[in-house]
Amino acid sequence: NLRAVDSATGGARAAAGAALWRAVEPIAAPAARELCEALRLVLEPTHATRLRGDYRTGKRLNMRKVVPYIASGYRRDKIWLRRTKPSTRQYSLLLAVDDSESMALSGAAPLAVEAVATLMTGLAQLEVGQVGVVAFAESVRLLHPPAEPLSAAATERVLGEFTFGGGSTSMGELMSSAVGLLADQRARAGAPGGSGLEQLQLLLIVSDGRRTPSWGDPGPLVRAAAAQGVRVCFIILDAQPPPPTALPAAPPAAAPAAELPAGPGTLARAARAARNARSAPGPEGSIVELQSVSYPNGVLTISRWIDRFPFPYYLLLRDVRALPHTLADTVRQWVELITTAGS
């Protein structure tokens, strides 16, 4: 009975994934082509698989050099080719998608589906290397192993696994699992029979960025990942609702970050602000408008949450059509940082 239920559930998920792919393909396919071309200029080939050069020894003769070699009395003997021309990419990327209920409450779930379809399709066209996909909420689920190639069928299967019904978001569990998975890839690359190359690794986190108590403090985990060569880029999905037809005038915008002395009246206002900051976000609120309350040195401080975002590298996404160039700029900075550190 359990096997029959699992099979039925798997069939329903596959059908749901195929329906989601058909729905987002008109938007994701053009954006994926732009993403492929934008990243092609940034992520240069790293693995030498093509023949190049004039060598005295090698694997294959350069037939264009044979006649000059004979005509020179066998003195111009650099007539061999070696596989020294980089032609394929050997990068390691892990795509982590927030599958918690807050994604549905904030209206970011449809944008997440479009972003995942765009990323998987664009990276497949680029043949970037090994790409894995995980979903995280209370726990982390591996949806697409990095060793398997990307394809349209894999994209449909991944889209069908999203539920956006997780009760909480465990950022610590995600970081530890993702760093461990990428470390295993590095170990396999360095093992006998592996690529033997030092892989450049990037972790892309797709989420609404709304912090909950289950997040914990991801700062030390991000620094630990960077120490192991894993760069973390947080893609914040800031879903915007459609403009209302007729609504009363909006209240004035909140005042900028201010410091107020602690007192009976300010403590009550701070409690209300804290409740608003911790409350479940609705589709009407943008993450750039969320406020954070803190008490440095006993002084009440109200500031924007985005200004204190714990991930140093992040990008704000409101339209999936802006993803290709925005992500390419972020990856370019990541590559330049690695190059500068290496030199």
C-alpha atoms as a PDB file:
ATOM      1  CA  ASN A   1       0.000   0.000   0.000  1.00  0.00           C
ATOM      2  CA  LEU A   2       2.819   2.376   0.882  1.00  0.00           C
ATOM      3  CA  ARG A   3       4.548   1.748  -2.431  1.00  0.00           C
ATOM      4  CA  ALA A   4       1.322   2.421  -4.321  1.00  0.00           C
ATOM      5  CA  VAL A   5       0.858   5.696  -2.442  1.00  0.00           C
ATOM      6  CA  ASP A   6       4.431   6.712  -3.162  1.00  0.00           C
ATOM      7  CA  SER A   7       3.991   5.920  -6.860  1.00  0.00           C
ATOM      8  CA  ALA A   8       0.785   7.918  -7.035  1.00  0.00           C
ATOM      9  CA  THR A   9       2.419  10.818  -5.234  1.00  0.00           C
ATOM     10  CA  GLY A  10       5.401  10.671  -7.569  1.00  0.00           C
ATOM     11  CA  GLY A  11       3.123  10.678 -10.596  1.00  0.00           C
ATOM     12  CA  ALA A  12       1.195  13.667  -9.257  1.00  0.00           C
ATOM     13  CA  ARG A  13       4.427  15.565  -8.617  1.00  0.00           C
ATOM     14  CA  ALA A  14       5.700  14.770 -12.098  1.00  0.00           C
ATOM     15  CA  ALA A  15       2.461  16.022 -13.625  1.00  0.00           C
ATOM     16  CA  ALA A  16       2.609  19.156 -11.474  1.00  0.00           C
ATOM     17  CA  GLY A  17       6.208  19.772 -12.515  1.00  0.00           C
ATOM     18  CA  ALA A  18       5.367  19.397 -16.187  1.00  0.00           C
ATOM     19  CA  ALA A  19       2.446  21.803 -15.814  1.00  0.00           C
ATOM     20  CA  LEU A  20       4.641  24.348 -14.009  1.00  0.00           C
ATOM     21  CA  TRP A  21       7.306  24.095 -16.705  1.00  0.00           C
ATOM     22  CA  ARG A  22       4.751  24.684 -19.461  1.00  0.00           C
ATOM     23  CA  ALA A  23       3.453  27.709 -17.564  1.00  0.00           C
ATOM     24  CA  VAL A  24       6.853  29.368 -16.966  1.00  0.00           C
ATOM     25  CA  GLU A  25       8.626  28.309 -20.169  1.00  0.00           C
ATOM     26  CA  PRO A  26       7.574  31.431 -22.173  1.00  0.00           C
ATOM     27  CA  ILE A  27       9.283  33.589 -19.529  1.00  0.00           C
ATOM     28  CA  ALA A  28      12.124  31.284 -18.476  1.00  0.00           C
ATOM     29  CA  ALA A  29      13.378  30.249 -21.923  1.00  0.00           C
ATOM     30  CA  PRO A  30      14.339  33.751 -23.192  1.00  0.00           C
ATOM     31  CA  ALA A  31      15.812  34.664 -19.805  1.00  0.00           C
ATOM     32  CA  ALA A  32      17.812  31.399 -19.780  1.00  0.00           C
ATOM     33  CA  ARG A  33      19.360  32.213 -23.168  1.00  0.00           C
ATOM     34  CA  GLU A  34      20.363  35.653 -21.908  1.00  0.00           C
ATOM     35  CA  LEU A  35      21.770  34.102 -18.732  1.00  0.00           C
ATOM     36  CA  CYS A  36      23.823  31.629 -20.771  1.00  0.00           C
ATOM     37  CA  GLU A  37      25.354  34.359 -22.936  1.00  0.00           C
ATOM     38  CA  ALA A  38      25.968  36.680 -19.979  1.00  0.00           C
ATOM     39  CA  LEU A  39      27.735  33.993 -17.937  1.00  0.00           C
ATOM     40  CA  ARG A  40      29.703  32.794 -20.970  1.00  0.00           C
ATOM     41  CA  LEU A  41      31.645  36.062 -20.865  1.00  0.00           C
ATOM     42  CA  VAL A  42      32.304  35.735 -17.131  1.00  0.00           C
ATOM     43  CA  LEU A  43      32.939  32.028 -16.519  1.00  0.00           C
ATOM     44  CA  GLU A  44      35.823  31.208 -18.804  1.00  0.00           C
ATOM     45  CA  PRO A  45      36.617  27.601 -19.780  1.00  0.00           C
ATOM     46  CA  THR A  46      38.849  25.929 -17.211  1.00  0.00           C
ATOM     47  CA  HIS A  47      39.351  22.370 -18.489  1.00  0.00           C
ATOM     48  CA  ALA A  48      41.719  21.839 -21.425  1.00  0.00           C
ATOM     49  CA  THR A  49      40.190  19.318 -23.829  1.00  0.00           C
ATOM     50  CA  ARG A  50      41.126  20.713 -27.248  1.00  0.00           C
ATOM     51  CA  LEU A  51      44.408  20.253 -29.083  1.00  0.00           C
ATOM     52  CA  ARG A  52      46.666  23.259 -29.465  1.00  0.00           C
ATOM     53  CA  GLY A  53      50.274  24.315 -29.808  1.00  0.00           C
ATOM     54  CA  ASP A  54      53.511  23.355 -31.562  1.00  0.00           C
ATOM     55  CA  TYR A  55      55.408  20.839 -29.447  1.00  0.00           C
ATOM     56  CA  ARG A  56      58.274  18.459 -30.053  1.00  0.00           C
ATOM     57  CA  THR A  57      56.267  15.687 -28.402  1.00  0.00           C
ATOM     58  CA  GLY A  58      52.564  15.173 -28.079  1.00  0.00           C
ATOM     59  CA  LYS A  59      49.528  13.032 -28.756  1.00  0.00           C
ATOM     60  CA  ARG A  60      48.707  13.954 -32.347  1.00  0.00           C
ATOM     61  CA  LEU A  61      50.506  15.281 -35.390  1.00  0.00           C
ATOM     62  CA  ASN A  62      49.776  18.747 -36.730  1.00  0.00           C
ATOM     63  CA  MET A  63      49.442  17.867 -40.388  1.00  0.00           C
ATOM     64  CA  ARG A  64      49.959  21.498 -41.417  1.00  0.00           C
ATOM     65  CA  LYS A  65      53.473  21.308 -39.999  1.00  0.00           C
ATOM     66  CA  VAL A  66      54.540  18.061 -41.647  1.00  0.00           C
ATOM     67  CA  VAL A  67      55.453  19.499 -45.074  1.00  0.00           C
ATOM     68  CA  PRO A  68      57.484  22.418 -43.612  1.00  0.00           C
ATOM     69  CA  TYR A  69      59.153  19.883 -41.313  1.00  0.00           C
ATOM     70  CA  ILE A  70      60.322  17.768 -44.268  1.00  0.00           C
ATOM     71  CA  ALA A  71      61.272  20.808 -46.344  1.00  0.00           C
ATOM     72  CA  SER A  72      63.448  22.172 -43.517  1.00  0.00           C
ATOM     73  CA  GLY A  73      65.549  19.043 -43.439  1.00  0.00           C
ATOM     74  CA  TYR A  74      63.749  17.782 -40.380  1.00  0.00           C
ATOM     75  CA  ARG A  75      64.855  20.751 -38.278  1.00  0.00           C
ATOM     76  CA  ARG A  76      61.440  22.340 -37.605  1.00  0.00           C
ATOM     77  CA  ASP A  77      60.324  19.484 -35.445  1.00  0.00           C
ATOM     78  CA  LYS A  78      57.572  21.191 -33.462  1.00  0.00           C
ATOM     79  CA  ILE A  79      54.871  19.260 -35.226  1.00  0.00           C
ATOM     80  CA  TRP A  80      52.907  17.778 -32.306  1.00  0.00           C
ATOM     81  CA  LEU A  81      49.667  18.872 -30.650  1.00  0.00           C
ATOM     82  CA  ARG A  82      48.685  18.638 -26.990  1.00  0.00           C
ATOM     83  CA  ARG A  83      45.423  19.112 -25.172  1.00  0.00           C
ATOM     84  CA  THR A  84      46.236  22.502 -23.691  1.00  0.00           C
ATOM     85  CA  LYS A  85      43.370  24.640 -25.003  1.00  0.00           C
ATOM     86  CA  PRO A  86      40.607  25.230 -22.416  1.00  0.00           C
ATOM     87  CA  SER A  87      37.232  24.431 -23.926  1.00  0.00           C
ATOM     88  CA  THR A  88      34.975  23.132 -21.141  1.00  0.00           C
ATOM     89  CA  ARG A  89      33.930  24.626 -17.817  1.00  0.00           C
ATOM     90  CA  GLN A  90      34.497  22.847 -14.536  1.00  0.00           C
ATOM     91  CA  TYR A  91      32.611  24.870 -11.951  1.00  0.00           C
ATOM     92  CA  SER A  92      30.597  23.601  -9.023  1.00  0.00           C
ATOM     93  CA  LEU A  93      27.290  25.326  -8.242  1.00  0.00           C
ATOM     94  CA  LEU A  94      24.629  24.479  -5.711  1.00  0.00           C
ATOM     95  CA  LEU A  95      21.166  26.023  -5.970  1.00  0.00           C
ATOM     96  CA  ALA A  96      19.276  26.138  -2.647  1.00  0.00           C
ATOM     97  CA  VAL A  97      15.594  27.086  -2.806  1.00  0.00           C
ATOM     98  CA  ASP A  98      13.497  28.119   0.184  1.00  0.00           C
ATOM     99  CA  ASP A  99      10.515  25.745   0.369  1.00  0.00           C
ATOM    100  CA  SER A 100       8.951  27.208   3.518  1.00  0.00           C
ATOM    101  CA  GLU A 101       5.464  28.613   3.949  1.00  0.00           C
ATOM    102  CA  SER A 102       6.789  32.177   4.125  1.00  0.00           C
ATOM    103  CA  MET A 103       7.489  31.994   0.393  1.00  0.00           C
ATOM    104  CA  ALA A 104       3.787  31.541  -0.262  1.00  0.00           C
ATOM    105  CA  LEU A 105       2.758  34.160   2.308  1.00  0.00           C
ATOM    106  CA  SER A 106       5.091  36.774   0.841  1.00  0.00           C
ATOM    107  CA  GLY A 107       4.000  36.024  -2.728  1.00  0.00           C
ATOM    108  CA  ALA A 108       7.528  34.934  -3.739  1.00  0.00           C
ATOM    109  CA  ALA A 109       6.636  31.330  -4.671  1.00  0.00           C
ATOM    110  CA  PRO A 110       5.743  32.027  -8.351  1.00  0.00           C
ATOM    111  CA  LEU A 111       8.883  34.129  -8.752  1.00  0.00           C
ATOM    112  CA  ALA A 112      10.932  31.316  -7.197  1.00  0.00           C
ATOM    113  CA  VAL A 113       9.589  28.808  -9.730  1.00  0.00           C
ATOM    114  CA  GLU A 114      10.480  31.154 -12.597  1.00  0.00           C
ATOM    115  CA  ALA A 115      13.960  31.786 -11.163  1.00  0.00           C
ATOM    116  CA  VAL A 116      14.707  28.080 -10.696  1.00  0.00           C
ATOM    117  CA  ALA A 117      13.549  27.247 -14.223  1.00  0.00           C
ATOM    118  CA  THR A 118      15.676  30.081 -15.632  1.00  0.00           C
ATOM    119  CA  LEU A 119      18.786  29.113 -13.672  1.00  0.00           C
ATOM    120  CA  MET A 120      18.614  25.393 -14.438  1.00  0.00           C
ATOM    121  CA  THR A 121      17.921  25.947 -18.145  1.00  0.00           C
ATOM    122  CA  GLY A 122      20.611  28.614 -18.575  1.00  0.00           C
ATOM    123  CA  LEU A 123      23.272  26.638 -16.719  1.00  0.00           C
ATOM    124  CA  ALA A 124      22.417  23.546 -18.771  1.00  0.00           C
ATOM    125  CA  GLN A 125      22.909  25.469 -22.003  1.00  0.00           C
ATOM    126  CA  LEU A 126      26.244  26.810 -20.779  1.00  0.00           C
ATOM    127  CA  GLU A 127      27.459  23.373 -19.578  1.00  0.00           C
ATOM    128  CA  VAL A 128      28.936  25.097 -16.561  1.00  0.00           C
ATOM    129  CA  GLY A 129      29.973  21.910 -14.780  1.00  0.00           C
ATOM    130  CA  GLN A 130      28.300  20.227 -11.824  1.00  0.00           C
ATOM    131  CA  VAL A 131      25.040  21.796 -10.630  1.00  0.00           C
ATOM    132  CA  GLY A 132      23.006  20.511  -7.710  1.00  0.00           C
ATOM    133  CA  VAL A 133      19.600  21.634  -6.435  1.00  0.00           C
ATOM    134  CA  VAL A 134      18.338  21.390  -2.854  1.00  0.00           C
ATOM    135  CA  ALA A 135      15.160  22.574  -1.131  1.00  0.00           C
ATOM    136  CA  PHE A 136      15.293  23.696   2.482  1.00  0.00           C
ATOM    137  CA  ALA A 137      12.824  24.483   5.227  1.00  0.00           C
ATOM    138  CA  GLU A 138      13.016  22.620   8.565  1.00  0.00           C
ATOM    139  CA  SER A 139      15.389  20.210   6.805  1.00  0.00           C
ATOM    140  CA  VAL A 140      17.308  20.013   3.538  1.00  0.00           C
ATOM    141  CA  ARG A 141      16.182  17.807   0.632  1.00  0.00           C
ATOM    142  CA  LEU A 142      18.406  16.952  -2.331  1.00  0.00           C
ATOM    143  CA  LEU A 143      16.288  17.393  -5.455  1.00  0.00           C
ATOM    144  CA  HIS A 144      18.975  17.067  -8.132  1.00  0.00           C
ATOM    145  CA  PRO A 145      22.379  15.447  -7.444  1.00  0.00           C
ATOM    146  CA  PRO A 146      25.351  17.425  -8.794  1.00  0.00           C
ATOM    147  CA  ALA A 147      26.706  14.386 -10.605  1.00  0.00           C
ATOM    148  CA  GLU A 148      23.627  14.157 -12.851  1.00  0.00           C
ATOM    149  CA  PRO A 149      23.435  16.392 -15.939  1.00  0.00           C
ATOM    150  CA  LEU A 150      20.860  19.140 -16.229  1.00  0.00           C
ATOM    151  CA  SER A 151      18.011  18.668 -18.673  1.00  0.00           C
ATOM    152  CA  ALA A 152      14.422  19.717 -19.295  1.00  0.00           C
ATOM    153  CA  ALA A 153      13.208  16.527 -17.605  1.00  0.00           C
ATOM    154  CA  ALA A 154      15.342  17.285 -14.555  1.00  0.00           C
ATOM    155  CA  THR A 155      13.888  20.803 -14.410  1.00  0.00           C
ATOM    156  CA  GLU A 156      10.339  19.449 -14.507  1.00  0.00           C
ATOM    157  CA  ARG A 157      11.148  16.942 -11.782  1.00  0.00           C
ATOM    158  CA  VAL A 158      12.635  19.634  -9.531  1.00  0.00           C
ATOM    159  CA  LEU A 159       9.709  22.015 -10.037  1.00  0.00           C
ATOM    160  CA  GLY A 160       7.278  19.264  -9.058  1.00  0.00           C
ATOM    161  CA  GLU A 161       9.027  18.760  -5.699  1.00  0.00           C
ATOM    162  CA  PHE A 162       8.297  22.230  -4.347  1.00  0.00           C
ATOM    163  CA  THR A 163       5.453  22.534  -1.851  1.00  0.00           C
ATOM    164  CA  PHE A 164       6.156  25.891  -0.154  1.00  0.00           C
ATOM    165  CA  GLY A 165       4.572  24.522   2.997  1.00  0.00           C
ATOM    166  CA  GLY A 166       7.503  24.161   5.410  1.00  0.00           C
ATOM    167  CA  GLY A 167       6.855  25.494   8.872  1.00  0.00           C
ATOM    168  CA  SER A 168      10.230  27.132   9.472  1.00  0.00           C
ATOM    169  CA  THR A 169      13.498  27.982   7.738  1.00  0.00           C
ATOM    170  CA  SER A 170      16.631  26.452   9.248  1.00  0.00           C
ATOM    171  CA  MET A 171      19.470  28.467   7.762  1.00  0.00           C
ATOM    172  CA  GLY A 172      22.063  26.687   9.885  1.00  0.00           C
ATOM    173  CA  GLU A 173      20.982  23.286   8.583  1.00  0.00           C
ATOM    174  CA  LEU A 174      21.172  24.593   5.018  1.00  0.00           C
ATOM    175  CA  MET A 175      24.662  26.050   5.366  1.00  0.00           C
ATOM    176  CA  SER A 176      26.123  22.962   7.034  1.00  0.00           C
ATOM    177  CA  SER A 177      24.535  20.590   4.502  1.00  0.00           C
ATOM    178  CA  ALA A 178      25.502  22.726   1.492  1.00  0.00           C
ATOM    179  CA  VAL A 179      29.114  23.151   2.590  1.00  0.00           C
ATOM    180  CA  GLY A 180      29.352  19.416   3.256  1.00  0.00           C
ATOM    181  CA  LEU A 181      27.961  18.565  -0.185  1.00  0.00           C
ATOM    182  CA  LEU A 182      30.381  20.941  -1.921  1.00  0.00           C
ATOM    183  CA  ALA A 183      33.271  19.550   0.142  1.00  0.00           C
ATOM    184  CA  ASP A 184      32.413  16.058  -1.103  1.00  0.00           C
ATOM    185  CA  GLN A 185      32.566  17.353  -4.683  1.00  0.00           C
ATOM    186  CA  ARG A 186      36.020  18.823  -4.042  1.00  0.00           C
ATOM    187  CA  ALA A 187      37.172  15.526  -2.576  1.00  0.00           C
ATOM    188  CA  ARG A 188      35.933  13.575  -5.587  1.00  0.00           C
ATOM    189  CA  ALA A 189      37.616  16.019  -7.954  1.00  0.00           C
ATOM    190  CA  GLY A 190      40.936  15.554  -6.160  1.00  0.00           C
ATOM    191  CA  ALA A 191      40.653  11.771  -5.881  1.00  0.00           C
ATOM    192  CA  PRO A 192      42.360   9.452  -8.399  1.00  0.00           C
ATOM    193  CA  GLY A 193      40.263   9.411 -11.543  1.00  0.00           C
ATOM    194  CA  GLY A 194      38.750  12.816 -10.798  1.00  0.00           C
ATOM    195  CA  SER A 195      39.259  16.040 -12.704  1.00  0.00           C
ATOM    196  CA  GLY A 196      42.267  16.976 -10.597  1.00  0.00           C
ATOM    197  CA  LEU A 197      41.266  20.620 -10.764  1.00  0.00           C
ATOM    198  CA  GLU A 198      40.549  23.035  -7.937  1.00  0.00           C
ATOM    199  CA  GLN A 199      36.884  23.692  -8.497  1.00  0.00           C
ATOM    200  CA  LEU A 200      35.393  27.152  -8.107  1.00  0.00           C
ATOM    201  CA  GLN A 201      32.298  26.695  -5.973  1.00  0.00           C
ATOM    202  CA  LEU A 202      29.268  28.939  -5.618  1.00  0.00           C
ATOM    203  CA  LEU A 203      26.176  28.547  -3.444  1.00  0.00           C
ATOM    204  CA  LEU A 204      23.067  30.352  -4.720  1.00  0.00           C
ATOM    205  CA  ILE A 205      20.299  30.741  -2.122  1.00  0.00           C
ATOM    206  CA  VAL A 206      16.867  31.636  -3.500  1.00  0.00           C
ATOM    207  CA  SER A 207      14.545  32.917  -0.792  1.00  0.00           C
ATOM    208  CA  ASP A 208      12.321  35.805   0.216  1.00  0.00           C
ATOM    209  CA  GLY A 209      14.922  36.920   2.761  1.00  0.00           C
ATOM    210  CA  ARG A 210      12.396  37.315   5.590  1.00  0.00           C
ATOM    211  CA  ARG A 211      14.273  36.428   8.738  1.00  0.00           C
ATOM    212  CA  THR A 212      12.613  34.268  11.377  1.00  0.00           C
ATOM    213  CA  PRO A 213      13.913  33.073  14.768  1.00  0.00           C
ATOM    214  CA  SER A 214      14.770  29.708  13.175  1.00  0.00           C
ATOM    215  CA  TRP A 215      17.399  31.452  11.037  1.00  0.00           C
ATOM    216  CA  GLY A 216      19.798  31.841  13.915  1.00  0.00           C
ATOM    217  CA  ASP A 217      22.975  33.784  13.149  1.00  0.00           C
ATOM    218  CA  PRO A 218      24.229  32.752   9.678  1.00  0.00           C
ATOM    219  CA  GLY A 219      27.195  35.152   9.758  1.00  0.00           C
ATOM    220  CA  PRO A 220      29.754  32.673  11.225  1.00  0.00           C
ATOM    221  CA  LEU A 221      28.525  29.967   8.841  1.00  0.00           C
ATOM    222  CA  VAL A 222      28.986  32.255   5.823  1.00  0.00           C
ATOM    223  CA  ARG A 223      32.527  33.104   6.942  1.00  0.00           C
ATOM    224  CA  ALA A 224      33.306  29.418   7.496  1.00  0.00           C
ATOM    225  CA  ALA A 225      32.060  28.612   3.994  1.00  0.00           C
ATOM    226  CA  ALA A 226      34.235  31.378   2.513  1.00  0.00           C
ATOM    227  CA  ALA A 227      37.242  29.930   4.342  1.00  0.00           C
ATOM    228  CA  GLN A 228      36.645  26.658   2.461  1.00  0.00           C
ATOM    229  CA  GLY A 229      36.407  28.431  -0.895  1.00  0.00           C
ATOM    230  CA  VAL A 230      32.595  28.475  -1.120  1.00  0.00           C
ATOM    231  CA  ARG A 231      31.098  31.816  -2.125  1.00  0.00           C
ATOM    232  CA  VAL A 232      27.518  32.404  -1.038  1.00  0.00           C
ATOM    233  CA  CYS A 233      25.160  34.605  -3.067  1.00  0.00           C
ATOM    234  CA  PHE A 234      21.688  35.263  -1.690  1.00  0.00           C
ATOM    235  CA  ILE A 235      18.986  35.962  -4.310  1.00  0.00           C
ATOM    236  CA  ILE A 236      16.227  37.852  -2.475  1.00  0.00           C
ATOM    237  CA  LEU A 237      12.854  37.467  -4.159  1.00  0.00           C
ATOM    238  CA  ASP A 238      10.973  40.694  -3.536  1.00  0.00           C
ATOM    239  CA  ALA A 239       7.576  39.932  -5.032  1.00  0.00           C
ATOM    240  CA  GLN A 240       5.557  43.022  -5.856  1.00  0.00           C
ATOM    241  CA  PRO A 241       1.736  42.837  -5.806  1.00  0.00           C
ATOM    242  CA  PRO A 242      -0.311  44.200  -8.710  1.00  0.00           C
ATOM    243  CA  PRO A 243      -1.281  47.856  -8.272  1.00  0.00           C
ATOM    244  CA  PRO A 244      -4.658  48.270  -6.529  1.00  0.00           C
ATOM    245  CA  THR A 245      -7.575  49.682  -8.451  1.00  0.00           C
ATOM    246  CA  ALA A 246      -8.814  52.095  -5.815  1.00  0.00           C
ATOM    247  CA  LEU A 247      -7.358  52.463  -2.365  1.00  0.00           C
ATOM    248  CA  PRO A 248      -7.108  55.357   0.070  1.00  0.00           C
ATOM    249  CA  ALA A 249      -3.935  57.346   0.208  1.00  0.00           C
ATOM    250  CA  ALA A 250      -1.042  55.450   1.746  1.00  0.00           C
ATOM    251  CA  PRO A 251       0.373  56.664   5.075  1.00  0.00           C
ATOM    252  CA  PRO A 252       3.641  58.570   4.969  1.00  0.00           C
ATOM    253  CA  ALA A 253       6.810  56.547   4.686  1.00  0.00           C
ATOM    254  CA  ALA A 254       8.568  55.455   7.837  1.00  0.00           C
ATOM    255  CA  ALA A 255      11.289  57.723   9.153  1.00  0.00           C
ATOM    256  CA  PRO A 256      14.888  56.708   8.508  1.00  0.00           C
ATOM    257  CA  ALA A 257      16.979  54.934  11.095  1.00  0.00           C
ATOM    258  CA  ALA A 258      16.883  56.944  14.296  1.00  0.00           C
ATOM    259  CA  GLU A 259      18.258  56.620  17.796  1.00  0.00           C
ATOM    260  CA  LEU A 260      15.911  57.385  20.708  1.00  0.00           C
ATOM    261  CA  PRO A 261      16.654  57.248  24.412  1.00  0.00           C
ATOM    262  CA  ALA A 262      15.000  54.332  26.157  1.00  0.00           C
ATOM    263  CA  GLY A 263      11.926  55.234  28.222  1.00  0.00           C
ATOM    264  CA  PRO A 264       8.385  54.072  29.065  1.00  0.00           C
ATOM    265  CA  GLY A 265       6.852  55.563  25.907  1.00  0.00           C
ATOM    266  CA  THR A 266       9.616  54.484  23.561  1.00  0.00           C
ATOM    267  CA  LEU A 267       9.598  50.940  24.968  1.00  0.00           C
ATOM    268  CA  ALA A 268       5.939  50.556  24.014  1.00  0.00           C
ATOM    269  CA  ARG A 269       6.670  51.819  20.506  1.00  0.00           C
ATOM    270  CA  ALA A 270       9.646  49.470  20.309  1.00  0.00           C
ATOM    271  CA  ALA A 271       7.471  46.515  21.286  1.00  0.00           C
ATOM    272  CA  ARG A 272       4.975  47.359  18.560  1.00  0.00           C
ATOM    273  CA  ALA A 273       7.786  47.768  16.017  1.00  0.00           C
ATOM    274  CA  ALA A 274       9.309  44.447  17.064  1.00  0.00           C
ATOM    275  CA  ARG A 275       5.972  42.675  16.666  1.00  0.00           C
ATOM    276  CA  ASN A 276       5.596  44.171  13.200  1.00  0.00           C
ATOM    277  CA  ALA A 277       9.126  43.120  12.249  1.00  0.00           C
ATOM    278  CA  ARG A 278       8.565  39.554  13.450  1.00  0.00           C
ATOM    279  CA  SER A 279       5.094  39.157  12.022  1.00  0.00           C
ATOM    280  CA  ALA A 280       4.550  37.019   8.947  1.00  0.00           C
ATOM    281  CA  PRO A 281       5.086  39.208   5.889  1.00  0.00           C
ATOM    282  CA  GLY A 282       2.264  39.694   3.462  1.00  0.00           C
ATOM    283  CA  PRO A 283       2.468  40.220  -0.281  1.00  0.00           C
ATOM    284  CA  GLU A 284       1.860  43.918   0.216  1.00  0.00           C
ATOM    285  CA  GLY A 285       5.177  44.570   1.984  1.00  0.00           C
ATOM    286  CA  SER A 286       8.553  44.875   0.284  1.00  0.00           C
ATOM    287  CA  ILE A 287      11.645  43.649   2.068  1.00  0.00           C
ATOM    288  CA  VAL A 288      13.253  47.052   1.666  1.00  0.00           C
ATOM    289  CA  GLU A 289      10.485  48.477   3.876  1.00  0.00           C
ATOM    290  CA  LEU A 290      10.937  45.996   6.734  1.00  0.00           C
ATOM    291  CA  GLN A 291      12.393  47.511   9.888  1.00  0.00           C
ATOM    292  CA  SER A 292      14.655  46.035  12.525  1.00  0.00           C
ATOM    293  CA  VAL A 293      14.744  47.044  16.201  1.00  0.00           C
ATOM    294  CA  SER A 294      17.872  46.787  18.343  1.00  0.00           C
ATOM    295  CA  TYR A 295      19.249  48.250  21.582  1.00  0.00           C
ATOM    296  CA  PRO A 296      22.968  48.992  21.165  1.00  0.00           C
ATOM    297  CA  ASN A 297      24.281  50.396  24.464  1.00  0.00           C
ATOM    298  CA  GLY A 298      20.723  50.641  25.779  1.00  0.00           C
ATOM    299  CA  VAL A 299      19.578  52.995  23.012  1.00  0.00           C
ATOM    300  CA  LEU A 300      16.575  52.126  20.886  1.00  0.00           C
ATOM    301  CA  THR A 301      17.602  51.933  17.222  1.00  0.00           C
ATOM    302  CA  ILE A 302      15.173  51.381  14.359  1.00  0.00           C
ATOM    303  CA  SER A 303      16.786  50.669  10.997  1.00  0.00           C
ATOM    304  CA  ARG A 304      16.015  48.911   7.766  1.00  0.00           C
ATOM    305  CA  TRP A 305      16.425  45.128   7.837  1.00  0.00           C
ATOM    306  CA  ILE A 306      18.066  45.072   4.431  1.00  0.00           C
ATOM    307  CA  ASP A 307      20.849  47.328   5.725  1.00  0.00           C
ATOM    308  CA  ARG A 308      21.772  44.645   8.282  1.00  0.00           C
ATOM    309  CA  PHE A 309      21.339  41.643   6.001  1.00  0.00           C
ATOM    310  CA  PRO A 310      23.715  38.922   7.280  1.00  0.00           C
ATOM    311  CA  PHE A 311      24.830  37.753   3.814  1.00  0.00           C
ATOM    312  CA  PRO A 312      27.437  40.104   2.321  1.00  0.00           C
ATOM    313  CA  TYR A 313      26.667  39.149  -1.285  1.00  0.00           C
ATOM    314  CA  TYR A 314      23.026  39.436  -2.237  1.00  0.00           C
ATOM    315  CA  LEU A 315      20.881  40.707  -5.069  1.00  0.00           C
ATOM    316  CA  LEU A 316      17.292  41.915  -5.013  1.00  0.00           C
ATOM    317  CA  LEU A 317      15.117  40.315  -7.696  1.00  0.00           C
ATOM    318  CA  ARG A 318      11.648  41.561  -8.566  1.00  0.00           C
ATOM    319  CA  ASP A 319      11.451  40.410 -12.194  1.00  0.00           C
ATOM    320  CA  VAL A 320      13.033  37.210 -13.498  1.00  0.00           C
ATOM    321  CA  ARG A 321      13.911  39.002 -16.742  1.00  0.00           C
ATOM    322  CA  ALA A 322      16.470  41.024 -14.782  1.00  0.00           C
ATOM    323  CA  LEU A 323      18.135  37.880 -13.403  1.00  0.00           C
ATOM    324  CA  PRO A 324      20.662  37.197 -16.233  1.00  0.00           C
ATOM    325  CA  HIS A 325      22.569  40.472 -16.147  1.00  0.00           C
ATOM    326  CA  THR A 326      22.220  40.953 -12.388  1.00  0.00           C
ATOM    327  CA  LEU A 327      23.564  37.488 -11.621  1.00  0.00           C
ATOM    328  CA  ALA A 328      26.318  37.857 -14.225  1.00  0.00           C
ATOM    329  CA  ASP A 329      27.511  41.053 -12.525  1.00  0.00           C
ATOM    330  CA  THR A 330      27.516  39.286  -9.169  1.00  0.00           C
ATOM    331  CA  VAL A 331      29.459  36.302 -10.509  1.00  0.00           C
ATOM    332  CA  ARG A 332      31.918  38.677 -12.200  1.00  0.00           C
ATOM    333  CA  GLN A 333      32.657  40.277  -8.824  1.00  0.00           C
ATOM    334  CA  TRP A 334      33.015  36.804  -7.320  1.00  0.00           C
ATOM    335  CA  VAL A 335      35.532  35.737  -9.973  1.00  0.00           C
ATOM    336  CA  GLU A 336      37.488  38.985  -9.633  1.00  0.00           C
ATOM    337  CA  LEU A 337      37.603  38.487  -5.860  1.00  0.00           C
ATOM    338  CA  ILE A 338      38.989  34.965  -6.268  1.00  0.00           C
ATOM    339  CA  THR A 339      41.528  36.141  -8.850  1.00  0.00           C
ATOM    340  CA  THR A 340      42.680  38.981  -6.598  1.00  0.00           C
ATOM    341  CA  ALA A 341      42.969  36.658  -3.613  1.00  0.00           C
ATOM    342  CA  GLY A 342      44.959  34.153  -5.678  1.00  0.00           C
ATOM    343  CA  SER A 343      47.406  36.780  -6.897  1.00  0.00           C
END
